[in-house]
Amino acid sequence: MRSILAVIGGMLVAFVAIIVIESIGVKLYPPPPGLNPTDPESLKALVASMPLAAKLCVLLAYAAGSVAGGWVAARLAPRAKMMHAMIVAALLFGAGLMNLMTIPHPVWFWVASSGIYWLGAWSGAQAAGGGAPVAREAA
């Protein structure tokens, strides 16, 4: 039960972090007036017209969410802390992949966002003490 709660907690924290940082990005780089977020063509045009800095804000949100989610999952996990963080990474990767398949993005964004979930969650788990113990040399 604690394992499931660790992953759910990690996902909740990841989504909150992503939403908060993306909302800051939207304030800095607002979408055009009258954008219909339910229209795939409008979203395609939006992504195509987004400045590089706006796309980097989205990547920053994904990175921060992955780190935070991986950290929480590793801290709450009763054991196998890195595994819990990687489950969070896998779920975030799946959600990100669905987004990438729904809304066209540049190839570089596909590569960067796909890797950022895994690296972020791994970093979060490391920060939470979820990495493999380092063998000490005999004195």
Protein backbone atom coordinates (compact mmCIF):
# COMPACT_ATOMS: atom_id res chain seq x y z
CA MET A 1 0.00 0.00 0.00
CA ARG A 2 2.84 2.39 0.84
CA SER A 3 4.37 1.76 -2.58
CA ILE A 4 1.18 2.76 -4.35
CA LEU A 5 0.88 5.88 -2.19
CA ALA A 6 4.51 6.77 -2.94
CA VAL A 7 3.88 6.68 -6.68
CA ILE A 8 0.56 8.54 -6.40
CA GLY A 9 2.19 11.18 -4.19
CA GLY A 10 5.06 11.52 -6.64
CA MET A 11 2.66 11.95 -9.56
CA LEU A 12 0.56 14.54 -7.71
CA VAL A 13 3.62 16.60 -6.81
CA ALA A 14 4.97 16.26 -10.36
CA PHE A 15 1.71 17.48 -11.90
CA VAL A 16 1.44 20.40 -9.49
CA ALA A 17 5.02 21.47 -10.25
CA ILE A 18 4.42 21.18 -14.00
CA ILE A 19 1.18 23.17 -13.83
CA VAL A 20 2.72 25.93 -11.69
CA ILE A 21 5.77 26.37 -13.91
CA GLU A 22 3.78 26.12 -17.15
CA SER A 23 1.36 28.76 -15.83
CA ILE A 24 4.34 31.08 -15.26
CA GLY A 25 5.43 30.36 -18.83
CA VAL A 26 1.95 31.22 -20.12
CA LYS A 27 2.11 34.55 -18.25
CA LEU A 28 5.50 35.29 -19.81
CA TYR A 29 4.48 34.06 -23.29
CA PRO A 30 0.69 34.30 -23.52
CA PRO A 31 -1.12 32.42 -26.29
CA PRO A 32 -2.85 34.47 -28.98
CA PRO A 33 -6.31 35.76 -28.11
CA GLY A 34 -9.15 33.48 -29.12
CA LEU A 35 -7.09 30.29 -29.01
CA ASN A 36 -9.34 27.24 -28.90
CA PRO A 37 -7.49 24.63 -26.77
CA THR A 38 -9.85 21.88 -27.98
CA ASP A 39 -9.00 22.46 -31.65
CA PRO A 40 -5.96 20.42 -32.76
CA GLU A 41 -5.20 22.82 -35.60
CA SER A 42 -5.15 25.79 -33.20
CA LEU A 43 -2.76 23.93 -30.91
CA LYS A 44 -0.56 22.93 -33.85
CA ALA A 45 -0.35 26.58 -34.93
CA LEU A 46 0.36 27.66 -31.35
CA VAL A 47 3.30 25.26 -30.94
CA ALA A 48 4.69 26.26 -34.34
CA SER A 49 4.58 29.95 -33.41
CA MET A 50 5.90 29.62 -29.85
CA PRO A 51 9.25 31.28 -29.28
CA LEU A 52 12.14 29.07 -28.23
CA ALA A 53 12.07 30.53 -24.71
CA ALA A 54 8.43 29.44 -24.30
CA LYS A 55 9.29 25.89 -25.35
CA LEU A 56 12.20 25.90 -22.92
CA CYS A 57 9.77 26.95 -20.14
CA VAL A 58 7.73 23.84 -20.91
CA LEU A 59 10.87 21.68 -20.71
CA LEU A 60 11.78 23.36 -17.42
CA ALA A 61 8.32 22.49 -16.10
CA TYR A 62 8.76 18.85 -17.15
CA ALA A 63 12.21 18.71 -15.55
CA ALA A 64 11.09 20.28 -12.28
CA GLY A 65 8.02 18.06 -12.12
CA SER A 66 10.11 14.96 -12.75
CA VAL A 67 12.68 15.87 -10.10
CA ALA A 68 10.00 16.72 -7.54
CA GLY A 69 7.91 13.64 -8.35
CA GLY A 70 10.92 11.33 -8.24
CA TRP A 71 12.04 12.84 -4.95
CA VAL A 72 8.61 12.42 -3.32
CA ALA A 73 8.20 8.85 -4.59
CA ALA A 74 11.66 7.90 -3.32
CA ARG A 75 11.11 9.55 0.07
CA LEU A 76 7.75 7.84 0.59
CA ALA A 77 8.75 4.42 -0.75
CA PRO A 78 9.31 1.78 1.91
CA ARG A 79 12.12 0.17 -0.17
CA ALA A 80 13.39 0.14 -3.77
CA LYS A 81 13.29 3.92 -3.79
CA MET A 82 14.78 4.31 -7.27
CA MET A 83 12.23 1.90 -8.71
CA HIS A 84 9.38 4.04 -7.37
CA ALA A 85 10.92 7.17 -8.87
CA MET A 86 11.31 5.37 -12.22
CA ILE A 87 7.65 4.36 -12.13
CA VAL A 88 6.81 8.05 -11.78
CA ALA A 89 9.17 8.76 -14.71
CA ALA A 90 7.44 6.07 -16.80
CA LEU A 91 3.99 7.51 -16.08
CA LEU A 92 5.16 11.05 -16.88
CA PHE A 93 6.84 9.77 -20.04
CA GLY A 94 3.58 8.11 -21.10
CA ALA A 95 1.60 11.29 -20.52
CA GLY A 96 4.23 13.31 -22.36
CA LEU A 97 4.24 10.88 -25.27
CA MET A 98 0.47 11.18 -25.59
CA ASN A 99 0.87 14.97 -25.67
CA LEU A 100 3.60 14.77 -28.31
CA MET A 101 1.49 12.48 -30.48
CA THR A 102 -1.56 14.73 -30.15
CA ILE A 103 0.13 18.09 -30.73
CA PRO A 104 3.00 18.26 -33.26
CA HIS A 105 6.28 19.42 -31.74
CA PRO A 106 9.74 19.86 -33.26
CA VAL A 107 11.99 16.78 -33.24
CA TRP A 108 14.44 18.36 -30.78
CA PHE A 109 11.55 18.83 -28.33
CA TRP A 110 10.61 15.14 -28.67
CA VAL A 111 14.17 14.09 -27.83
CA ALA A 112 14.62 16.55 -24.96
CA SER A 113 11.26 15.94 -23.32
CA SER A 114 11.53 12.16 -23.64
CA GLY A 115 14.84 12.09 -21.81
CA ILE A 116 14.03 14.74 -19.25
CA TYR A 117 11.45 12.63 -17.39
CA TRP A 118 13.92 9.81 -16.73
CA LEU A 119 16.85 12.05 -15.83
CA GLY A 120 14.69 14.26 -13.64
CA ALA A 121 13.13 11.41 -11.66
CA TRP A 122 16.54 9.74 -11.30
CA SER A 123 17.99 13.00 -9.97
CA GLY A 124 15.10 13.42 -7.56
CA ALA A 125 15.55 9.88 -6.26
CA GLN A 126 19.29 10.46 -5.85
CA ALA A 127 18.61 13.63 -3.87
CA ALA A 128 16.20 11.68 -1.67
CA GLY A 129 18.84 9.06 -0.93
CA GLY A 130 17.36 6.49 -3.27
CA GLY A 131 20.53 5.66 -5.18
CA ALA A 132 22.52 2.49 -4.79
CA PRO A 133 24.80 2.61 -1.77
CA VAL A 134 28.41 3.36 -2.59
CA ALA A 135 30.86 0.67 -1.54
CA ARG A 136 33.41 1.95 0.91
CA GLU A 137 37.03 1.05 0.45
CA ALA A 138 38.65 -0.92 3.22
CA ALA A 139 41.05 1.22 5.23
